[in-house]
Amino acid sequence: MNNNRKRWGRRGAILVWVAVLLPVLIGFVGLTVDVGYIFTDQANLQAFADVSALTGALYLPTETDAENHAAAVLTNNDASAGAALAAGDVEFGNWDP
């Protein structure tokens, strides 16, 4: 009889734990999804920057053509990234390892 009393006293404890921990779990899932989107966007922007840099390198003897083609490729691939490209963002120089 004493054993049955202990079980009846704890009957709603799981419901309380679920009510307390479910918002925490949902918060962690939302944070995980947001961080995944951040890393995906970062990888896409890096790919767009790489493609535009390589395209600009094809037209490199004249710096204005290289800058115009790089901006055109960036705008064609992602309109928001192309709009964020300012005139001073493209730099020319020599690379020395």
PDB file of N, CA and C in Angstrom:
ATOM      1  N   MET A   1       0.807  -1.192   0.000  1.00  0.00           N
ATOM      2  CA  MET A   1       0.000   0.000   0.000  1.00  0.00           C
ATOM      3  C   MET A   1       0.856   1.264   0.000  1.00  0.00           C
ATOM      4  N   ASN A   2       1.927   1.226   0.735  1.00  0.00           N
ATOM      5  CA  ASN A   2       2.813   2.369   0.830  1.00  0.00           C
ATOM      6  C   ASN A   2       3.479   2.657  -0.519  1.00  0.00           C
ATOM      7  N   ASN A   3       3.778   1.625  -1.271  1.00  0.00           N
ATOM      8  CA  ASN A   3       4.409   1.779  -2.581  1.00  0.00           C
ATOM      9  C   ASN A   3       3.475   2.471  -3.567  1.00  0.00           C
ATOM     10  N   ASN A   4       2.184   2.154  -3.524  1.00  0.00           N
ATOM     11  CA  ASN A   4       1.212   2.797  -4.404  1.00  0.00           C
ATOM     12  C   ASN A   4       1.073   4.289  -4.106  1.00  0.00           C
ATOM     13  N   ARG A   5       1.188   4.669  -2.840  1.00  0.00           N
ATOM     14  CA  ARG A   5       1.090   6.068  -2.469  1.00  0.00           C
ATOM     15  C   ARG A   5       2.224   6.892  -3.087  1.00  0.00           C
ATOM     16  N   LYS A   6       3.430   6.351  -3.118  1.00  0.00           N
ATOM     17  CA  LYS A   6       4.572   7.054  -3.701  1.00  0.00           C
ATOM     18  C   LYS A   6       4.360   7.283  -5.200  1.00  0.00           C
ATOM     19  N   ARG A   7       3.843   6.292  -5.881  1.00  0.00           N
ATOM     20  CA  ARG A   7       3.601   6.443  -7.319  1.00  0.00           C
ATOM     21  C   ARG A   7       2.531   7.486  -7.594  1.00  0.00           C
ATOM     22  N   TRP A   8       1.462   7.510  -6.801  1.00  0.00           N
ATOM     23  CA  TRP A   8       0.383   8.487  -7.024  1.00  0.00           C
ATOM     24  C   TRP A   8       0.868   9.904  -6.743  1.00  0.00           C
ATOM     25  N   GLY A   9       1.819  10.071  -5.855  1.00  0.00           N
ATOM     26  CA  GLY A   9       2.317  11.401  -5.521  1.00  0.00           C
ATOM     27  C   GLY A   9       3.194  11.995  -6.601  1.00  0.00           C
ATOM     28  N   ARG A  10       3.811  11.165  -7.438  1.00  0.00           N
ATOM     29  CA  ARG A  10       4.718  11.630  -8.487  1.00  0.00           C
ATOM     30  C   ARG A  10       4.080  11.628  -9.870  1.00  0.00           C
ATOM     31  N   ARG A  11       2.848  11.413  -9.955  1.00  0.00           N
ATOM     32  CA  ARG A  11       2.219  11.192 -11.239  1.00  0.00           C
ATOM     33  C   ARG A  11       2.339  12.376 -12.197  1.00  0.00           C
ATOM     34  N   GLY A  12       2.268  13.604 -11.730  1.00  0.00           N
ATOM     35  CA  GLY A  12       2.333  14.770 -12.608  1.00  0.00           C
ATOM     36  C   GLY A  12       3.713  15.372 -12.737  1.00  0.00           C
ATOM     37  N   ALA A  13       4.730  14.754 -12.190  1.00  0.00           N
ATOM     38  CA  ALA A  13       6.078  15.325 -12.211  1.00  0.00           C
ATOM     39  C   ALA A  13       6.639  15.385 -13.624  1.00  0.00           C
ATOM     40  N   ILE A  14       6.385  14.403 -14.430  1.00  0.00           N
ATOM     41  CA  ILE A  14       6.897  14.387 -15.802  1.00  0.00           C
ATOM     42  C   ILE A  14       6.266  15.508 -16.614  1.00  0.00           C
ATOM     43  N   LEU A  15       5.010  15.762 -16.406  1.00  0.00           N
ATOM     44  CA  LEU A  15       4.329  16.843 -17.122  1.00  0.00           C
ATOM     45  C   LEU A  15       4.956  18.199 -16.793  1.00  0.00           C
ATOM     46  N   VAL A  16       5.331  18.388 -15.550  1.00  0.00           N
ATOM     47  CA  VAL A  16       5.989  19.637 -15.148  1.00  0.00           C
ATOM     48  C   VAL A  16       7.351  19.753 -15.817  1.00  0.00           C
ATOM     49  N   TRP A  17       8.119  18.660 -15.835  1.00  0.00           N
ATOM     50  CA  TRP A  17       9.434  18.691 -16.474  1.00  0.00           C
ATOM     51  C   TRP A  17       9.319  18.961 -17.975  1.00  0.00           C
ATOM     52  N   VAL A  18       8.352  18.374 -18.617  1.00  0.00           N
ATOM     53  CA  VAL A  18       8.151  18.615 -20.050  1.00  0.00           C
ATOM     54  C   VAL A  18       7.770  20.068 -20.286  1.00  0.00           C
ATOM     55  N   ALA A  19       6.899  20.615 -19.444  1.00  0.00           N
ATOM     56  CA  ALA A  19       6.484  22.006 -19.599  1.00  0.00           C
ATOM     57  C   ALA A  19       7.654  22.965 -19.384  1.00  0.00           C
ATOM     58  N   VAL A  20       8.572  22.624 -18.514  1.00  0.00           N
ATOM     59  CA  VAL A  20       9.726  23.490 -18.249  1.00  0.00           C
ATOM     60  C   VAL A  20      10.787  23.349 -19.333  1.00  0.00           C
ATOM     61  N   LEU A  21      11.073  22.140 -19.784  1.00  0.00           N
ATOM     62  CA  LEU A  21      12.183  21.900 -20.701  1.00  0.00           C
ATOM     63  C   LEU A  21      11.824  22.023 -22.180  1.00  0.00           C
ATOM     64  N   LEU A  22      10.556  21.969 -22.529  1.00  0.00           N
ATOM     65  CA  LEU A  22      10.175  22.066 -23.937  1.00  0.00           C
ATOM     66  C   LEU A  22      10.538  23.424 -24.548  1.00  0.00           C
ATOM     67  N   PRO A  23      10.311  24.555 -23.899  1.00  0.00           N
ATOM     68  CA  PRO A  23      10.760  25.828 -24.493  1.00  0.00           C
ATOM     69  C   PRO A  23      12.279  25.912 -24.647  1.00  0.00           C
ATOM     70  N   VAL A  24      13.009  25.317 -23.711  1.00  0.00           N
ATOM     71  CA  VAL A  24      14.469  25.299 -23.818  1.00  0.00           C
ATOM     72  C   VAL A  24      14.888  24.482 -25.031  1.00  0.00           C
ATOM     73  N   LEU A  25      14.272  23.340 -25.220  1.00  0.00           N
ATOM     74  CA  LEU A  25      14.583  22.493 -26.368  1.00  0.00           C
ATOM     75  C   LEU A  25      14.241  23.198 -27.680  1.00  0.00           C
ATOM     76  N   ILE A  26      13.103  23.850 -27.729  1.00  0.00           N
ATOM     77  CA  ILE A  26      12.713  24.580 -28.934  1.00  0.00           C
ATOM     78  C   ILE A  26      13.687  25.726 -29.196  1.00  0.00           C
ATOM     79  N   GLY A  27      14.160  26.376 -28.151  1.00  0.00           N
ATOM     80  CA  GLY A  27      15.150  27.440 -28.307  1.00  0.00           C
ATOM     81  C   GLY A  27      16.456  26.929 -28.883  1.00  0.00           C
ATOM     82  N   PHE A  28      16.924  25.778 -28.413  1.00  0.00           N
ATOM     83  CA  PHE A  28      18.152  25.197 -28.948  1.00  0.00           C
ATOM     84  C   PHE A  28      17.988  24.782 -30.410  1.00  0.00           C
ATOM     85  N   VAL A  29      16.854  24.258 -30.766  1.00  0.00           N
ATOM     86  CA  VAL A  29      16.604  23.886 -32.163  1.00  0.00           C
ATOM     87  C   VAL A  29      16.598  25.139 -33.044  1.00  0.00           C
ATOM     88  N   GLY A  30      15.949  26.197 -32.590  1.00  0.00           N
ATOM     89  CA  GLY A  30      15.935  27.440 -33.354  1.00  0.00           C
ATOM     90  C   GLY A  30      17.323  28.031 -33.507  1.00  0.00           C
ATOM     91  N   LEU A  31      18.129  27.997 -32.446  1.00  0.00           N
ATOM     92  CA  LEU A  31      19.496  28.493 -32.518  1.00  0.00           C
ATOM     93  C   LEU A  31      20.330  27.671 -33.491  1.00  0.00           C
ATOM     94  N   THR A  32      20.147  26.373 -33.489  1.00  0.00           N
ATOM     95  CA  THR A  32      20.882  25.504 -34.405  1.00  0.00           C
ATOM     96  C   THR A  32      20.526  25.804 -35.856  1.00  0.00           C
ATOM     97  N   VAL A  33      19.262  26.007 -36.128  1.00  0.00           N
ATOM     98  CA  VAL A  33      18.829  26.322 -37.492  1.00  0.00           C
ATOM     99  C   VAL A  33      19.394  27.672 -37.932  1.00  0.00           C
ATOM    100  N   ASP A  34      19.365  28.674 -37.042  1.00  0.00           N
ATOM    101  CA  ASP A  34      19.887  29.992 -37.390  1.00  0.00           C
ATOM    102  C   ASP A  34      21.385  29.958 -37.661  1.00  0.00           C
ATOM    103  N   VAL A  35      22.123  29.229 -36.848  1.00  0.00           N
ATOM    104  CA  VAL A  35      23.567  29.116 -37.069  1.00  0.00           C
ATOM    105  C   VAL A  35      23.847  28.388 -38.381  1.00  0.00           C
ATOM    106  N   GLY A  36      23.051  27.399 -38.712  1.00  0.00           N
ATOM    107  CA  GLY A  36      23.208  26.721 -40.003  1.00  0.00           C
ATOM    108  C   GLY A  36      22.982  27.659 -41.170  1.00  0.00           C
ATOM    109  N   TYR A  37      21.967  28.510 -41.069  1.00  0.00           N
ATOM    110  CA  TYR A  37      21.743  29.504 -42.124  1.00  0.00           C
ATOM    111  C   TYR A  37      22.902  30.488 -42.231  1.00  0.00           C
ATOM    112  N   ILE A  38      23.471  30.880 -41.112  1.00  0.00           N
ATOM    113  CA  ILE A  38      24.597  31.816 -41.140  1.00  0.00           C
ATOM    114  C   ILE A  38      25.782  31.189 -41.871  1.00  0.00           C
ATOM    115  N   PHE A  39      26.108  29.948 -41.557  1.00  0.00           N
ATOM    116  CA  PHE A  39      27.237  29.302 -42.212  1.00  0.00           C
ATOM    117  C   PHE A  39      26.968  29.053 -43.695  1.00  0.00           C
ATOM    118  N   THR A  40      25.734  28.739 -44.047  1.00  0.00           N
ATOM    119  CA  THR A  40      25.392  28.541 -45.454  1.00  0.00           C
ATOM    120  C   THR A  40      25.507  29.844 -46.231  1.00  0.00           C
ATOM    121  N   ASP A  41      25.010  30.935 -45.657  1.00  0.00           N
ATOM    122  CA  ASP A  41      25.124  32.230 -46.326  1.00  0.00           C
ATOM    123  C   ASP A  41      26.572  32.660 -46.456  1.00  0.00           C
ATOM    124  N   GLN A  42      27.372  32.406 -45.433  1.00  0.00           N
ATOM    125  CA  GLN A  42      28.779  32.754 -45.483  1.00  0.00           C
ATOM    126  C   GLN A  42      29.494  31.978 -46.589  1.00  0.00           C
ATOM    127  N   ALA A  43      29.192  30.705 -46.736  1.00  0.00           N
ATOM    128  CA  ALA A  43      29.807  29.903 -47.791  1.00  0.00           C
ATOM    129  C   ALA A  43      29.366  30.382 -49.166  1.00  0.00           C
ATOM    130  N   ASN A  44      28.084  30.740 -49.312  1.00  0.00           N
ATOM    131  CA  ASN A  44      27.609  31.248 -50.600  1.00  0.00           C
ATOM    132  C   ASN A  44      28.264  32.574 -50.957  1.00  0.00           C
ATOM    133  N   LEU A  45      28.376  33.477 -49.999  1.00  0.00           N
ATOM    134  CA  LEU A  45      29.015  34.762 -50.271  1.00  0.00           C
ATOM    135  C   LEU A  45      30.484  34.591 -50.623  1.00  0.00           C
ATOM    136  N   GLN A  46      31.171  33.659 -49.961  1.00  0.00           N
ATOM    137  CA  GLN A  46      32.566  33.406 -50.308  1.00  0.00           C
ATOM    138  C   GLN A  46      32.686  32.834 -51.714  1.00  0.00           C
ATOM    139  N   ALA A  47      31.759  31.964 -52.098  1.00  0.00           N
ATOM    140  CA  ALA A  47      31.780  31.418 -53.461  1.00  0.00           C
ATOM    141  C   ALA A  47      31.536  32.514 -54.491  1.00  0.00           C
ATOM    142  N   PHE A  48      30.589  33.427 -54.205  1.00  0.00           N
ATOM    143  CA  PHE A  48      30.342  34.544 -55.120  1.00  0.00           C
ATOM    144  C   PHE A  48      31.566  35.437 -55.233  1.00  0.00           C
ATOM    145  N   ALA A  49      32.244  35.692 -54.126  1.00  0.00           N
ATOM    146  CA  ALA A  49      33.447  36.530 -54.158  1.00  0.00           C
ATOM    147  C   ALA A  49      34.557  35.846 -54.958  1.00  0.00           C
ATOM    148  N   ASP A  50      34.703  34.531 -54.794  1.00  0.00           N
ATOM    149  CA  ASP A  50      35.729  33.807 -55.539  1.00  0.00           C
ATOM    150  C   ASP A  50      35.453  33.829 -57.035  1.00  0.00           C
ATOM    151  N   VAL A  51      34.193  33.613 -57.417  1.00  0.00           N
ATOM    152  CA  VAL A  51      33.839  33.605 -58.839  1.00  0.00           C
ATOM    153  C   VAL A  51      34.055  34.982 -59.450  1.00  0.00           C
ATOM    154  N   SER A  52      33.660  36.028 -58.754  1.00  0.00           N
ATOM    155  CA  SER A  52      33.834  37.367 -59.310  1.00  0.00           C
ATOM    156  C   SER A  52      35.309  37.748 -59.387  1.00  0.00           C
ATOM    157  N   ALA A  53      36.113  37.297 -58.415  1.00  0.00           N
ATOM    158  CA  ALA A  53      37.550  37.585 -58.468  1.00  0.00           C
ATOM    159  C   ALA A  53      38.212  36.863 -59.641  1.00  0.00           C
ATOM    160  N   LEU A  54      37.832  35.615 -59.855  1.00  0.00           N
ATOM    161  CA  LEU A  54      38.410  34.887 -60.990  1.00  0.00           C
ATOM    162  C   LEU A  54      37.966  35.471 -62.327  1.00  0.00           C
ATOM    163  N   THR A  55      36.720  35.921 -62.402  1.00  0.00           N
ATOM    164  CA  THR A  55      36.248  36.559 -63.626  1.00  0.00           C
ATOM    165  C   THR A  55      36.969  37.874 -63.864  1.00  0.00           C
ATOM    166  N   GLY A  56      37.168  38.638 -62.808  1.00  0.00           N
ATOM    167  CA  GLY A  56      37.908  39.885 -62.945  1.00  0.00           C
ATOM    168  C   GLY A  56      39.341  39.653 -63.363  1.00  0.00           C
ATOM    169  N   ALA A  57      39.939  38.541 -62.913  1.00  0.00           N
ATOM    170  CA  ALA A  57      41.319  38.236 -63.289  1.00  0.00           C
ATOM    171  C   ALA A  57      41.446  37.926 -64.773  1.00  0.00           C
ATOM    172  N   LEU A  58      40.399  37.470 -65.417  1.00  0.00           N
ATOM    173  CA  LEU A  58      40.455  37.207 -66.855  1.00  0.00           C
ATOM    174  C   LEU A  58      40.608  38.484 -67.663  1.00  0.00           C
ATOM    175  N   TYR A  59      40.086  39.601 -67.143  1.00  0.00           N
ATOM    176  CA  TYR A  59      40.132  40.884 -67.847  1.00  0.00           C
ATOM    177  C   TYR A  59      41.128  41.832 -67.185  1.00  0.00           C
ATOM    178  N   LEU A  60      42.197  41.304 -66.640  1.00  0.00           N
ATOM    179  CA  LEU A  60      43.079  42.073 -65.789  1.00  0.00           C
ATOM    180  C   LEU A  60      43.965  43.105 -66.471  1.00  0.00           C
ATOM    181  N   PRO A  61      44.356  42.995 -67.705  1.00  0.00           N
ATOM    182  CA  PRO A  61      45.240  44.048 -68.225  1.00  0.00           C
ATOM    183  C   PRO A  61      44.655  45.453 -68.065  1.00  0.00           C
ATOM    184  N   THR A  62      43.369  45.590 -68.183  1.00  0.00           N
ATOM    185  CA  THR A  62      42.760  46.892 -67.913  1.00  0.00           C
ATOM    186  C   THR A  62      41.937  46.770 -66.633  1.00  0.00           C
ATOM    187  N   GLU A  63      42.250  47.617 -65.668  1.00  0.00           N
ATOM    188  CA  GLU A  63      41.625  47.495 -64.358  1.00  0.00           C
ATOM    189  C   GLU A  63      40.138  47.836 -64.393  1.00  0.00           C
ATOM    190  N   THR A  64      39.728  48.753 -65.236  1.00  0.00           N
ATOM    191  CA  THR A  64      38.311  49.114 -65.280  1.00  0.00           C
ATOM    192  C   THR A  64      37.474  47.971 -65.841  1.00  0.00           C
ATOM    193  N   ASP A  65      37.991  47.288 -66.887  1.00  0.00           N
ATOM    194  CA  ASP A  65      37.265  46.129 -67.422  1.00  0.00           C
ATOM    195  C   ASP A  65      37.168  45.012 -66.383  1.00  0.00           C
ATOM    196  N   ALA A  66      38.258  44.786 -65.665  1.00  0.00           N
ATOM    197  CA  ALA A  66      38.262  43.728 -64.640  1.00  0.00           C
ATOM    198  C   ALA A  66      37.256  44.047 -63.540  1.00  0.00           C
ATOM    199  N   GLU A  67      37.229  45.299 -63.106  1.00  0.00           N
ATOM    200  CA  GLU A  67      36.292  45.683 -62.047  1.00  0.00           C
ATOM    201  C   GLU A  67      34.856  45.617 -62.529  1.00  0.00           C
ATOM    202  N   ASN A  68      34.599  46.039 -63.758  1.00  0.00           N
ATOM    203  CA  ASN A  68      33.237  46.002 -64.301  1.00  0.00           C
ATOM    204  C   ASN A  68      32.736  44.570 -64.482  1.00  0.00           C
ATOM    205  N   HIS A  69      33.586  43.685 -64.991  1.00  0.00           N
ATOM    206  CA  HIS A  69      33.169  42.300 -65.189  1.00  0.00           C
ATOM    207  C   HIS A  69      32.985  41.574 -63.843  1.00  0.00           C
ATOM    208  N   ALA A  70      33.841  41.872 -62.886  1.00  0.00           N
ATOM    209  CA  ALA A  70      33.684  41.256 -61.566  1.00  0.00           C
ATOM    210  C   ALA A  70      32.370  41.697 -60.922  1.00  0.00           C
ATOM    211  N   ALA A  71      32.049  42.982 -61.038  1.00  0.00           N
ATOM    212  CA  ALA A  71      30.791  43.483 -60.473  1.00  0.00           C
ATOM    213  C   ALA A  71      29.590  42.905 -61.225  1.00  0.00           C
ATOM    214  N   ALA A  72      29.714  42.735 -62.538  1.00  0.00           N
ATOM    215  CA  ALA A  72      28.609  42.180 -63.323  1.00  0.00           C
ATOM    216  C   ALA A  72      28.333  40.725 -62.940  1.00  0.00           C
ATOM    217  N   VAL A  73      29.389  39.943 -62.761  1.00  0.00           N
ATOM    218  CA  VAL A  73      29.203  38.544 -62.365  1.00  0.00           C
ATOM    219  C   VAL A  73      28.587  38.469 -60.973  1.00  0.00           C
ATOM    220  N   LEU A  74      29.035  39.321 -60.081  1.00  0.00           N
ATOM    221  CA  LEU A  74      28.495  39.323 -58.730  1.00  0.00           C
ATOM    222  C   LEU A  74      27.033  39.739 -58.727  1.00  0.00           C
ATOM    223  N   THR A  75      26.679  40.720 -59.530  1.00  0.00           N
ATOM    224  CA  THR A  75      25.289  41.162 -59.607  1.00  0.00           C
ATOM    225  C   THR A  75      24.406  40.103 -60.250  1.00  0.00           C
ATOM    226  N   ASN A  76      24.901  39.403 -61.269  1.00  0.00           N
ATOM    227  CA  ASN A  76      24.106  38.367 -61.928  1.00  0.00           C
ATOM    228  C   ASN A  76      23.864  37.159 -61.025  1.00  0.00           C
ATOM    229  N   ASN A  77      24.812  36.855 -60.152  1.00  0.00           N
ATOM    230  CA  ASN A  77      24.655  35.697 -59.276  1.00  0.00           C
ATOM    231  C   ASN A  77      23.832  35.997 -58.038  1.00  0.00           C
ATOM    232  N   ASP A  78      24.005  37.183 -57.485  1.00  0.00           N
ATOM    233  CA  ASP A  78      23.281  37.529 -56.264  1.00  0.00           C
ATOM    234  C   ASP A  78      23.090  39.041 -56.250  1.00  0.00           C
ATOM    235  N   ALA A  79      21.864  39.478 -56.441  1.00  0.00           N
ATOM    236  CA  ALA A  79      21.592  40.903 -56.589  1.00  0.00           C
ATOM    237  C   ALA A  79      21.946  41.680 -55.331  1.00  0.00           C
ATOM    238  N   SER A  80      21.709  41.118 -54.160  1.00  0.00           N
ATOM    239  CA  SER A  80      22.002  41.859 -52.933  1.00  0.00           C
ATOM    240  C   SER A  80      23.502  42.028 -52.727  1.00  0.00           C
ATOM    241  N   ALA A  81      24.296  41.031 -53.108  1.00  0.00           N
ATOM    242  CA  ALA A  81      25.741  41.159 -52.963  1.00  0.00           C
ATOM    243  C   ALA A  81      26.294  42.141 -53.989  1.00  0.00           C
ATOM    244  N   GLY A  82      25.710  42.169 -55.167  1.00  0.00           N
ATOM    245  CA  GLY A  82      26.168  43.119 -56.180  1.00  0.00           C
ATOM    246  C   GLY A  82      25.862  44.548 -55.793  1.00  0.00           C
ATOM    247  N   ALA A  83      24.741  44.759 -55.131  1.00  0.00           N
ATOM    248  CA  ALA A  83      24.391  46.104 -54.695  1.00  0.00           C
ATOM    249  C   ALA A  83      25.308  46.558 -53.567  1.00  0.00           C
ATOM    250  N   ALA A  84      25.856  45.611 -52.800  1.00  0.00           N
ATOM    251  CA  ALA A  84      26.724  45.964 -51.687  1.00  0.00           C
ATOM    252  C   ALA A  84      28.163  46.215 -52.131  1.00  0.00           C
ATOM    253  N   LEU A  85      28.487  45.960 -53.385  1.00  0.00           N
ATOM    254  CA  LEU A  85      29.842  46.157 -53.880  1.00  0.00           C
ATOM    255  C   LEU A  85      30.063  47.634 -54.165  1.00  0.00           C
ATOM    256  N   ALA A  86      30.992  48.236 -53.451  1.00  0.00           N
ATOM    257  CA  ALA A  86      31.299  49.656 -53.656  1.00  0.00           C
ATOM    258  C   ALA A  86      32.510  49.779 -54.580  1.00  0.00           C
ATOM    259  N   ALA A  87      32.756  50.991 -55.038  1.00  0.00           N
ATOM    260  CA  ALA A  87      33.855  51.216 -55.984  1.00  0.00           C
ATOM    261  C   ALA A  87      35.214  50.915 -55.357  1.00  0.00           C
ATOM    262  N   GLY A  88      35.385  51.151 -54.083  1.00  0.00           N
ATOM    263  CA  GLY A  88      36.668  50.915 -53.432  1.00  0.00           C
ATOM    264  C   GLY A  88      36.866  49.490 -52.948  1.00  0.00           C
ATOM    265  N   ASP A  89      35.900  48.609 -53.158  1.00  0.00           N
ATOM    266  CA  ASP A  89      36.011  47.233 -52.669  1.00  0.00           C
ATOM    267  C   ASP A  89      36.964  46.385 -53.498  1.00  0.00           C
ATOM    268  N   VAL A  90      37.168  46.751 -54.746  1.00  0.00           N
ATOM    269  CA  VAL A  90      38.049  45.977 -55.626  1.00  0.00           C
ATOM    270  C   VAL A  90      39.447  46.567 -55.527  1.00  0.00           C
ATOM    271  N   GLU A  91      40.406  45.722 -55.166  1.00  0.00           N
ATOM    272  CA  GLU A  91      41.791  46.167 -55.032  1.00  0.00           C
ATOM    273  C   GLU A  91      42.660  45.427 -56.042  1.00  0.00           C
ATOM    274  N   PHE A  92      43.610  46.145 -56.619  1.00  0.00           N
ATOM    275  CA  PHE A  92      44.547  45.562 -57.567  1.00  0.00           C
ATOM    276  C   PHE A  92      45.943  45.635 -56.981  1.00  0.00           C
ATOM    277  N   GLY A  93      46.725  44.621 -57.276  1.00  0.00           N
ATOM    278  CA  GLY A  93      48.102  44.606 -56.766  1.00  0.00           C
ATOM    279  C   GLY A  93      48.791  43.320 -57.154  1.00  0.00           C
ATOM    280  N   ASN A  94      50.002  43.138 -56.676  1.00  0.00           N
ATOM    281  CA  ASN A  94      50.790  41.941 -56.958  1.00  0.00           C
ATOM    282  C   ASN A  94      50.841  41.090 -55.704  1.00  0.00           C
ATOM    283  N   TRP A  95      50.739  39.806 -55.895  1.00  0.00           N
ATOM    284  CA  TRP A  95      50.801  38.868 -54.776  1.00  0.00           C
ATOM    285  C   TRP A  95      52.166  38.242 -54.739  1.00  0.00           C
ATOM    286  N   ASP A  96      52.808  38.297 -53.602  1.00  0.00           N
ATOM    287  CA  ASP A  96      54.140  37.718 -53.430  1.00  0.00           C
ATOM    288  C   ASP A  96      54.075  36.717 -52.288  1.00  0.00           C
ATOM    289  N   PRO A  97      54.183  35.434 -52.601  1.00  0.00           N
ATOM    290  CA  PRO A  97      54.087  34.434 -51.517  1.00  0.00           C
ATOM    291  C   PRO A  97      55.266  34.533 -50.608  1.00  0.00           C
TER     292      PRO A  97
END
